[in-house]
Amino acid sequence: MTRLTLTPTRLRWAAALLTIASLSACAPLVLGGAVGGAFMATDRRTSGIQLEDQTIELKVSNRIKEAIGDQGHINVNAYNRRVLLTGEVPNESDRAAAQQAAAAVENVDNVYNELMVSLNSSFSTRANDVLLASKVKATLVDARDIISNAFSVVTERGDVYIMGLVTEREANRAAELAASVKGVNRVVKVMQIISEDELARKLPRPANTSTTTQ
């Protein structure tokens, strides 16, 4: 018999998985050090951009529904004004219409159209995607050489899409880690690349611990 050992990290993700499963099979997984304002402080996007991304997701979803109705199963994720569309639509016409609707939304900089022309995915497939996304994120958390909360992970039919505002080194490492997870079909990098200098400017400065000697 094989025994599964749950580390503290995996225990946290097991609990998170139950919550996520009740919401959406393809909800993006983003890990931060806390919640609310404290989480925003750890994100490389400004708080304004984070809120704007949430607004973009809502507007894009509404525009797509207006364009093609309830056809298909479409997930919308936005990161730093870049929109990722995943899921299934009945035909190429709906696929193109969904992209046009997303691109027309104010403040959207780019649209990554990963929609498939296919029947809608099954409940079991979506449940597996949730589990797979949690495994990928846990792998990123366990890694010592990247900051996991710099990435957003979206899964669809076993394909893993990684979004984020990261350096080329971080992007390649995250993709490598994601590809190592059993069950991942392919890894798609939907990340905005910044330089190491830009990253240094975004990272919080260490607290000043110097003292004045009288």
Protein backbone atom coordinates (compact mmCIF):
# COMPACT_ATOMS: atom_id res chain seq x y z
CA MET A 1 0.00 0.00 0.00
CA THR A 2 1.25 3.46 -0.87
CA ARG A 3 0.87 6.01 1.89
CA LEU A 4 0.29 9.65 1.01
CA THR A 5 1.97 12.09 3.38
CA LEU A 6 0.37 15.52 3.55
CA THR A 7 2.83 18.30 4.25
CA PRO A 8 1.53 21.55 5.81
CA THR A 9 1.59 23.11 2.35
CA ARG A 10 -0.49 20.32 0.84
CA LEU A 11 -2.91 20.40 3.78
CA ARG A 12 -3.55 24.06 3.08
CA TRP A 13 -4.11 23.33 -0.59
CA ALA A 14 -6.41 20.42 0.18
CA ALA A 15 -8.61 22.79 2.16
CA ALA A 16 -8.43 25.41 -0.57
CA LEU A 17 -9.36 22.81 -3.16
CA LEU A 18 -12.68 22.12 -1.46
CA THR A 19 -13.54 25.80 -1.58
CA ILE A 20 -12.43 26.24 -5.18
CA ALA A 21 -14.34 23.19 -6.35
CA SER A 22 -17.56 24.80 -5.15
CA LEU A 23 -16.90 27.89 -7.26
CA SER A 24 -15.39 27.09 -10.65
CA ALA A 25 -13.43 24.25 -12.16
CA CYS A 26 -11.08 26.66 -13.90
CA ALA A 27 -10.75 29.46 -11.38
CA PRO A 28 -7.20 30.84 -11.32
CA LEU A 29 -5.10 29.87 -8.32
CA VAL A 30 -3.04 32.66 -6.83
CA LEU A 31 -1.27 32.31 -3.50
CA GLY A 32 -0.44 35.24 -1.29
CA GLY A 33 0.83 35.66 2.22
CA ALA A 34 -2.53 36.83 3.57
CA VAL A 35 -5.90 38.11 2.45
CA GLY A 36 -7.41 41.46 1.53
CA GLY A 37 -5.07 44.43 1.60
CA ALA A 38 -2.15 42.35 2.84
CA PHE A 39 -2.43 40.10 -0.20
CA MET A 40 -2.54 43.07 -2.53
CA ALA A 41 0.75 44.29 -1.07
CA THR A 42 2.45 41.04 -2.14
CA ASP A 43 1.20 41.19 -5.73
CA ARG A 44 3.47 42.72 -8.36
CA ARG A 45 0.52 44.52 -9.88
CA THR A 46 -0.59 47.73 -8.25
CA SER A 47 -3.77 47.56 -6.19
CA GLY A 48 -5.46 49.65 -8.89
CA ILE A 49 -4.51 47.18 -11.63
CA GLN A 50 -5.68 44.24 -9.53
CA LEU A 51 -9.10 45.82 -9.14
CA GLU A 52 -9.13 46.75 -12.81
CA ASP A 53 -8.37 43.14 -13.78
CA GLN A 54 -11.40 42.02 -11.77
CA THR A 55 -13.54 44.59 -13.56
CA ILE A 56 -12.16 43.48 -16.93
CA GLU A 57 -13.06 39.85 -16.21
CA LEU A 58 -16.65 40.83 -15.41
CA LYS A 59 -17.01 43.11 -18.44
CA VAL A 60 -15.47 40.58 -20.83
CA SER A 61 -17.75 37.82 -19.53
CA ASN A 62 -20.79 40.05 -20.04
CA ARG A 63 -19.70 41.16 -23.52
CA ILE A 64 -19.12 37.57 -24.63
CA LYS A 65 -22.52 36.54 -23.33
CA GLU A 66 -24.07 39.41 -25.29
CA ALA A 67 -22.19 38.30 -28.41
CA ILE A 68 -22.83 34.56 -28.40
CA GLY A 69 -25.37 33.99 -25.65
CA ASP A 70 -24.98 30.89 -23.52
CA GLN A 71 -23.19 28.96 -26.24
CA GLY A 72 -20.26 26.93 -24.98
CA HIS A 73 -18.33 27.04 -21.72
CA ILE A 74 -15.97 30.01 -21.48
CA ASN A 75 -13.63 31.04 -18.67
CA VAL A 76 -12.21 34.54 -18.53
CA ASN A 77 -9.06 35.43 -16.59
CA ALA A 78 -7.27 38.77 -16.61
CA TYR A 79 -3.80 39.61 -15.37
CA ASN A 80 -2.25 43.04 -15.82
CA ARG A 81 -4.89 43.91 -18.45
CA ARG A 82 -4.12 40.76 -20.47
CA VAL A 83 -7.10 38.47 -20.97
CA LEU A 84 -6.98 34.69 -21.27
CA LEU A 85 -10.00 32.88 -22.74
CA THR A 86 -10.24 29.13 -22.15
CA GLY A 87 -12.98 26.56 -22.53
CA GLU A 88 -15.12 25.36 -25.41
CA VAL A 89 -17.38 26.89 -28.06
CA PRO A 90 -19.56 25.17 -30.71
CA ASN A 91 -17.93 26.67 -33.80
CA GLU A 92 -15.21 28.93 -35.20
CA SER A 93 -17.64 31.80 -35.60
CA ASP A 94 -18.36 31.87 -31.85
CA ARG A 95 -14.64 31.55 -31.12
CA ALA A 96 -13.88 34.62 -33.22
CA ALA A 97 -16.86 36.53 -31.78
CA ALA A 98 -15.67 35.84 -28.23
CA GLN A 99 -12.23 37.22 -29.02
CA GLN A 100 -13.64 40.33 -30.67
CA ALA A 101 -15.93 40.95 -27.71
CA ALA A 102 -13.04 40.63 -25.26
CA ALA A 103 -10.74 42.88 -27.28
CA ALA A 104 -13.40 45.60 -27.40
CA VAL A 105 -13.53 45.98 -23.62
CA GLU A 106 -11.93 49.16 -22.32
CA ASN A 107 -8.36 48.83 -20.95
CA VAL A 108 -7.77 45.32 -22.35
CA ASP A 109 -4.22 45.28 -23.74
CA ASN A 110 -4.15 41.80 -25.26
CA VAL A 111 -6.37 38.72 -25.67
CA TYR A 112 -5.04 35.17 -25.62
CA ASN A 113 -7.72 33.06 -27.27
CA GLU A 114 -7.28 29.44 -26.17
CA LEU A 115 -10.91 28.47 -26.79
CA MET A 116 -11.46 25.07 -28.39
CA VAL A 117 -14.18 24.23 -30.90
CA SER A 118 -15.59 21.25 -29.09
CA LEU A 119 -18.36 19.92 -26.89
CA ASN A 120 -18.33 21.31 -23.36
CA SER A 121 -15.98 19.56 -20.96
CA SER A 122 -17.53 17.13 -18.48
CA PHE A 123 -17.88 17.68 -14.74
CA SER A 124 -15.21 15.05 -14.08
CA THR A 125 -12.80 16.81 -16.43
CA ARG A 126 -13.37 20.14 -14.68
CA ALA A 127 -12.94 18.53 -11.26
CA ASN A 128 -9.67 17.01 -12.44
CA ASP A 129 -8.56 20.45 -13.65
CA VAL A 130 -9.15 21.90 -10.18
CA LEU A 131 -7.07 19.14 -8.61
CA LEU A 132 -4.34 19.52 -11.20
CA ALA A 133 -4.16 23.29 -10.70
CA SER A 134 -3.80 22.80 -6.95
CA LYS A 135 -0.93 20.35 -7.51
CA VAL A 136 0.84 22.75 -9.84
CA LYS A 137 0.47 25.63 -7.40
CA ALA A 138 1.68 23.47 -4.51
CA THR A 139 4.75 22.61 -6.58
CA LEU A 140 5.43 26.32 -7.15
CA VAL A 141 4.97 27.00 -3.42
CA ASP A 142 7.44 24.26 -2.50
CA ALA A 143 10.09 25.60 -4.88
CA ARG A 144 12.81 27.63 -3.18
CA ASP A 145 13.97 29.63 -6.18
CA ILE A 146 10.77 31.44 -7.23
CA ILE A 147 8.08 33.54 -5.55
CA SER A 148 4.87 31.57 -5.99
CA ASN A 149 2.49 34.51 -5.53
CA ALA A 150 3.89 36.07 -8.71
CA PHE A 151 1.96 33.49 -10.74
CA SER A 152 -1.67 32.76 -11.55
CA VAL A 153 -2.43 29.19 -12.65
CA VAL A 154 -5.38 28.28 -14.87
CA THR A 155 -6.12 24.73 -16.06
CA GLU A 156 -8.33 23.50 -18.88
CA ARG A 157 -8.57 19.86 -20.01
CA GLY A 158 -5.18 19.09 -18.48
CA ASP A 159 -3.47 22.07 -20.10
CA VAL A 160 -1.87 24.51 -17.67
CA TYR A 161 -1.77 28.23 -18.42
CA ILE A 162 0.53 30.36 -16.28
CA MET A 163 -0.02 34.09 -16.04
CA GLY A 164 2.11 36.61 -14.19
CA LEU A 165 4.45 39.57 -14.25
CA VAL A 166 7.83 37.84 -14.08
CA THR A 167 11.36 37.69 -15.42
CA GLU A 168 12.33 35.27 -18.16
CA ARG A 169 14.20 33.21 -15.57
CA GLU A 170 11.09 32.95 -13.39
CA ALA A 171 8.85 32.15 -16.37
CA ASN A 172 11.06 29.31 -17.54
CA ARG A 173 11.42 27.89 -14.05
CA ALA A 174 7.67 27.99 -13.37
CA ALA A 175 6.96 26.27 -16.68
CA GLU A 176 9.54 23.61 -15.89
CA LEU A 177 8.00 22.95 -12.48
CA ALA A 178 4.46 22.83 -13.87
CA ALA A 179 5.49 20.38 -16.59
CA SER A 180 6.90 18.04 -13.94
CA VAL A 181 3.47 17.53 -12.35
CA LYS A 182 1.87 14.22 -13.30
CA GLY A 183 -1.23 14.66 -15.43
CA VAL A 184 -0.22 17.95 -17.09
CA ASN A 185 -0.64 17.69 -20.85
CA ARG A 186 1.15 20.89 -21.78
CA VAL A 187 2.20 24.19 -20.25
CA VAL A 188 1.36 27.50 -21.93
CA LYS A 189 3.23 30.60 -20.77
CA VAL A 190 0.88 33.58 -20.79
CA MET A 191 3.26 35.73 -18.81
CA GLN A 192 4.42 39.30 -19.20
CA ILE A 193 8.21 39.35 -19.11
CA ILE A 194 10.05 42.07 -17.20
CA SER A 195 13.78 42.60 -16.69
CA GLU A 196 15.66 41.72 -13.53
CA ASP A 197 16.08 45.48 -12.91
CA GLU A 198 12.32 46.02 -13.19
CA LEU A 199 11.77 43.17 -10.76
CA ALA A 200 14.20 44.67 -8.27
CA ARG A 201 12.23 47.92 -8.35
CA LYS A 202 8.97 46.07 -7.72
CA LEU A 203 10.19 44.02 -4.76
CA PRO A 204 9.66 45.57 -1.32
CA ARG A 205 12.72 47.14 0.20
CA PRO A 206 14.06 45.55 3.39
CA ALA A 207 13.18 47.36 6.59
CA ASN A 208 15.80 49.72 7.98
CA THR A 209 17.14 48.00 11.08
CA SER A 210 20.01 50.37 11.77
CA THR A 211 20.12 52.12 15.15
CA THR A 212 21.63 55.40 16.18
CA THR A 213 24.35 55.23 18.81
CA GLN A 214 24.28 58.09 21.30
